[in-house]
Amino acid sequence: MTDNTPATEELQGEEFWNARYSGSERIWSGDPNTVLVREVAGLSPGRALDLGSGEGGDAIWLARQGWRVTATDISGVALDRAARHAEEAGVGDRIDWQRHDLGVSFPEGAFDLVSAQFLHTPGEMPREEILRTAAAAVAPGGVLLVVGHSGFPAWEKNPHPEVHLPSPQEVLACLELPDGAWEVLLCAEHERIQNDPDGRPTTRTDNAVKVRRLPVSG
């Protein structure tokens, strides 16, 4: 795992996520996000970039499908845990774990797939700028997949008013993709079932944007 976040800059976001991951042995299920599986299953494996990789569920799944993965998160605690999970899954050699505050630094290179799954955080984060940088990192013929929440769940009455949860149309617009250079494959909301804190199933609305950079002609 390499660390590319400037050591001189102590960020609230990093502290928040390190504390959250340190408070539990596991936060997420360990399973890959369902939209990622659905939208990537038909793609030919190449180089993938996983933004906000957390405990590594998506990166490990991608590596198992044959992708070479660069996975990045702001939390060193999460990355250490994810690296252990990847070794246990037998794909540790296919994933490069990098710590970045994506508003400050970003992984280098061009990728056949860039995935941003639920890239949300309390407090300030230049999400639109990060997503534009993510689009710029997509190689010709490659895909950018952005999945996020369309709103807060019914049991939370906007607990983070400073966080805007955009529509898929807003996500697509914020990318500022040049005309004629990209193909929009998906821009839509979808519903899924999520249990509330009391274990009762409830419906939540998320959204997904999938765009493909057109190959260079000639």
Protein backbone atom coordinates (compact mmCIF):
# COMPACT_ATOMS: atom_id res chain seq x y z
CA MET A 1 0.00 0.00 0.00
CA THR A 2 1.37 3.40 -0.94
CA ASP A 3 0.46 6.69 0.73
CA ASN A 4 0.06 9.73 -1.52
CA THR A 5 -1.78 12.08 0.83
CA PRO A 6 0.43 15.01 1.90
CA ALA A 7 1.63 14.22 5.42
CA THR A 8 1.47 17.86 6.48
CA GLU A 9 -2.28 18.13 5.95
CA GLU A 10 -4.54 16.76 8.71
CA LEU A 11 -8.02 16.39 7.27
CA GLN A 12 -11.28 16.08 9.14
CA GLY A 13 -12.53 13.55 6.61
CA GLU A 14 -9.58 11.25 7.24
CA GLU A 15 -10.02 11.48 11.00
CA PHE A 16 -13.75 10.81 10.70
CA TRP A 17 -13.35 7.68 8.59
CA ASN A 18 -10.42 6.29 10.58
CA ALA A 19 -12.50 6.64 13.73
CA ARG A 20 -15.50 5.01 12.12
CA TYR A 21 -13.55 2.02 10.82
CA SER A 22 -11.67 1.66 14.10
CA GLY A 23 -14.96 1.39 15.96
CA SER A 24 -15.93 -1.94 14.38
CA GLU A 25 -14.30 -5.05 12.99
CA ARG A 26 -16.42 -4.68 9.85
CA ILE A 27 -18.73 -1.91 8.65
CA TRP A 28 -19.80 -3.20 5.25
CA SER A 29 -20.97 -6.64 4.16
CA GLY A 30 -17.84 -7.52 2.19
CA ASP A 31 -19.98 -8.20 -0.88
CA PRO A 32 -19.50 -6.12 -4.05
CA ASN A 33 -22.07 -3.45 -4.82
CA THR A 34 -24.87 -4.95 -6.89
CA VAL A 35 -24.89 -2.23 -9.56
CA LEU A 36 -21.14 -2.65 -10.06
CA VAL A 37 -21.58 -6.38 -10.60
CA ARG A 38 -24.46 -5.85 -13.01
CA GLU A 39 -22.80 -3.13 -15.08
CA VAL A 40 -19.26 -4.53 -15.17
CA ALA A 41 -19.98 -8.24 -15.65
CA GLY A 42 -19.94 -7.92 -19.45
CA LEU A 43 -16.77 -5.83 -19.73
CA SER A 44 -13.39 -7.26 -20.73
CA PRO A 45 -11.05 -7.05 -17.71
CA GLY A 46 -8.28 -4.48 -17.86
CA ARG A 47 -7.11 -1.79 -15.47
CA ALA A 48 -9.67 -0.63 -12.91
CA LEU A 49 -9.71 2.23 -10.42
CA ASP A 50 -11.92 1.91 -7.34
CA LEU A 51 -12.56 5.28 -5.66
CA GLY A 52 -13.53 5.14 -1.98
CA SER A 53 -12.69 1.44 -1.75
CA GLY A 54 -13.51 1.04 1.95
CA GLU A 55 -12.96 -2.49 3.22
CA GLY A 56 -12.28 -3.75 -0.29
CA GLY A 57 -15.43 -5.63 -1.32
CA ASP A 58 -15.58 -4.12 -4.82
CA ALA A 59 -11.83 -4.23 -5.46
CA ILE A 60 -11.60 -7.87 -4.42
CA TRP A 61 -14.52 -8.81 -6.67
CA LEU A 62 -12.96 -6.98 -9.61
CA ALA A 63 -9.63 -8.71 -9.03
CA ARG A 64 -11.40 -12.08 -8.97
CA GLN A 65 -12.88 -11.24 -12.39
CA GLY A 66 -9.39 -10.68 -13.79
CA TRP A 67 -9.01 -6.92 -13.38
CA ARG A 68 -5.79 -5.25 -12.23
CA VAL A 69 -7.11 -2.86 -9.60
CA THR A 70 -5.92 0.38 -8.08
CA ALA A 71 -8.04 0.91 -4.97
CA THR A 72 -7.98 4.13 -3.00
CA ASP A 73 -9.52 5.41 0.21
CA ILE A 74 -8.95 8.28 2.62
CA SER A 75 -8.76 5.91 5.60
CA GLY A 76 -5.57 4.01 6.28
CA VAL A 77 -7.49 1.84 8.72
CA ALA A 78 -9.86 0.76 5.94
CA LEU A 79 -7.03 0.14 3.49
CA ASP A 80 -5.09 -2.04 5.93
CA ARG A 81 -8.22 -4.07 6.58
CA ALA A 82 -8.99 -4.34 2.85
CA ALA A 83 -5.45 -5.50 2.09
CA ARG A 84 -5.84 -8.29 4.64
CA HIS A 85 -9.15 -9.34 3.09
CA ALA A 86 -7.55 -9.38 -0.37
CA GLU A 87 -4.71 -11.60 0.84
CA GLU A 88 -7.22 -13.96 2.41
CA ALA A 89 -9.12 -14.05 -0.89
CA GLY A 90 -5.95 -14.86 -2.81
CA VAL A 91 -5.95 -11.69 -4.93
CA GLY A 92 -3.60 -9.45 -2.96
CA ASP A 93 -1.12 -9.35 -5.83
CA ARG A 94 -3.76 -7.93 -8.22
CA ILE A 95 -4.63 -4.84 -6.13
CA ASP A 96 -2.56 -1.72 -5.48
CA TRP A 97 -3.92 -0.04 -2.34
CA GLN A 98 -3.32 3.73 -2.22
CA ARG A 99 -4.34 6.27 0.39
CA HIS A 100 -5.62 9.51 -1.09
CA ASP A 101 -7.78 12.39 -0.03
CA LEU A 102 -9.21 12.65 -3.53
CA GLY A 103 -9.75 16.39 -3.19
CA VAL A 104 -5.98 16.76 -2.73
CA SER A 105 -4.36 13.91 -4.68
CA PHE A 106 -5.49 11.33 -7.21
CA PRO A 107 -4.06 8.04 -8.51
CA GLU A 108 -1.96 8.35 -11.63
CA GLY A 109 -2.60 6.59 -14.90
CA ALA A 110 -5.41 5.76 -17.32
CA PHE A 111 -7.98 3.08 -16.57
CA ASP A 112 -10.41 0.91 -18.53
CA LEU A 113 -12.89 1.20 -15.66
CA VAL A 114 -13.25 3.90 -13.03
CA SER A 115 -15.79 3.10 -10.33
CA ALA A 116 -17.11 5.54 -7.71
CA GLN A 117 -19.60 3.69 -5.50
CA PHE A 118 -21.35 5.84 -2.89
CA LEU A 119 -18.64 8.47 -2.77
CA HIS A 120 -20.33 10.50 -0.04
CA THR A 121 -18.99 11.83 3.24
CA PRO A 122 -20.17 14.12 6.04
CA GLY A 123 -18.64 17.57 5.83
CA GLU A 124 -16.94 19.13 2.85
CA MET A 125 -15.71 17.19 -0.16
CA PRO A 126 -15.30 18.53 -3.71
CA ARG A 127 -17.28 15.61 -5.15
CA GLU A 128 -18.02 17.16 -8.53
CA GLU A 129 -14.38 18.07 -9.05
CA ILE A 130 -13.34 14.55 -8.05
CA LEU A 131 -15.78 13.01 -10.51
CA ARG A 132 -14.47 15.20 -13.33
CA THR A 133 -10.95 14.05 -12.48
CA ALA A 134 -12.26 10.49 -12.49
CA ALA A 135 -13.67 10.97 -15.99
CA ALA A 136 -10.33 12.34 -17.18
CA ALA A 137 -8.67 9.14 -15.93
CA VAL A 138 -10.79 6.91 -18.20
CA ALA A 139 -8.85 5.49 -21.15
CA PRO A 140 -10.36 5.61 -24.67
CA GLY A 141 -13.00 2.88 -24.87
CA GLY A 142 -13.18 2.74 -21.07
CA VAL A 143 -16.11 3.23 -18.70
CA LEU A 144 -16.88 5.51 -15.75
CA LEU A 145 -19.51 4.18 -13.34
CA VAL A 146 -20.85 6.46 -10.60
CA VAL A 147 -23.39 5.11 -8.11
CA GLY A 148 -24.80 7.14 -5.24
CA HIS A 149 -27.74 7.88 -3.00
CA SER A 150 -30.61 9.95 -4.38
CA GLY A 151 -31.73 10.95 -0.90
CA PHE A 152 -31.45 10.10 2.76
CA PRO A 153 -33.31 7.03 4.04
CA ALA A 154 -36.76 7.45 5.58
CA TRP A 155 -35.45 6.98 9.10
CA GLU A 156 -32.95 9.85 8.77
CA LYS A 157 -34.37 13.35 8.41
CA ASN A 158 -31.45 14.89 6.49
CA PRO A 159 -28.83 14.37 9.23
CA HIS A 160 -26.12 16.07 7.16
CA PRO A 161 -27.68 19.20 5.60
CA GLU A 162 -24.28 20.21 4.23
CA VAL A 163 -24.24 17.07 2.03
CA HIS A 164 -26.09 17.31 -1.29
CA LEU A 165 -27.26 14.00 -2.75
CA PRO A 166 -27.65 14.73 -6.47
CA SER A 167 -29.97 13.22 -9.05
CA PRO A 168 -28.40 11.13 -11.84
CA GLN A 169 -29.00 14.02 -14.24
CA GLU A 170 -27.06 16.33 -11.91
CA VAL A 171 -24.22 13.81 -11.73
CA LEU A 172 -24.07 13.56 -15.52
CA ALA A 173 -24.12 17.34 -15.91
CA CYS A 174 -21.36 17.87 -13.35
CA LEU A 175 -19.00 15.67 -15.38
CA GLU A 176 -18.97 18.33 -18.14
CA LEU A 177 -18.26 15.69 -20.79
CA PRO A 178 -17.33 17.14 -24.19
CA ASP A 179 -19.83 16.56 -26.98
CA GLY A 180 -19.00 13.68 -29.29
CA ALA A 181 -16.39 12.15 -26.99
CA TRP A 182 -18.60 10.07 -24.69
CA GLU A 183 -21.55 7.70 -24.89
CA VAL A 184 -24.14 7.72 -22.09
CA LEU A 185 -25.02 4.10 -21.30
CA LEU A 186 -27.05 4.64 -18.11
CA CYS A 187 -28.47 7.63 -16.23
CA ALA A 188 -31.28 6.56 -13.94
CA GLU A 189 -32.58 6.02 -10.42
CA HIS A 190 -33.26 2.59 -8.97
CA GLU A 191 -34.73 1.26 -5.76
CA ARG A 192 -33.29 -1.26 -3.36
CA ILE A 193 -34.26 -2.76 -0.01
CA GLN A 194 -32.24 -1.71 3.03
CA ASN A 195 -32.92 -2.54 6.65
CA ASP A 196 -33.44 0.36 9.05
CA PRO A 197 -31.59 0.48 12.43
CA ASP A 198 -34.32 -1.76 13.93
CA GLY A 199 -33.85 -4.39 11.23
CA ARG A 200 -37.04 -3.60 9.34
CA PRO A 201 -36.74 -3.64 5.53
CA THR A 202 -37.42 -0.35 3.80
CA THR A 203 -37.09 0.95 0.25
CA ARG A 204 -34.27 3.33 -0.60
CA THR A 205 -33.64 5.18 -3.85
CA ASP A 206 -30.16 5.31 -5.38
CA ASN A 207 -28.93 6.33 -8.81
CA ALA A 208 -26.32 5.31 -11.35
CA VAL A 209 -24.50 7.00 -14.21
CA LYS A 210 -22.47 4.92 -16.64
CA VAL A 211 -20.60 6.60 -19.49
CA ARG A 212 -18.10 5.29 -22.02
CA ARG A 213 -15.26 7.31 -23.51
CA LEU A 214 -15.37 6.75 -27.26
CA PRO A 215 -12.25 5.25 -28.85
CA VAL A 216 -10.01 7.64 -30.70
CA SER A 217 -10.84 7.41 -34.41
CA GLY A 218 -8.27 7.14 -37.13
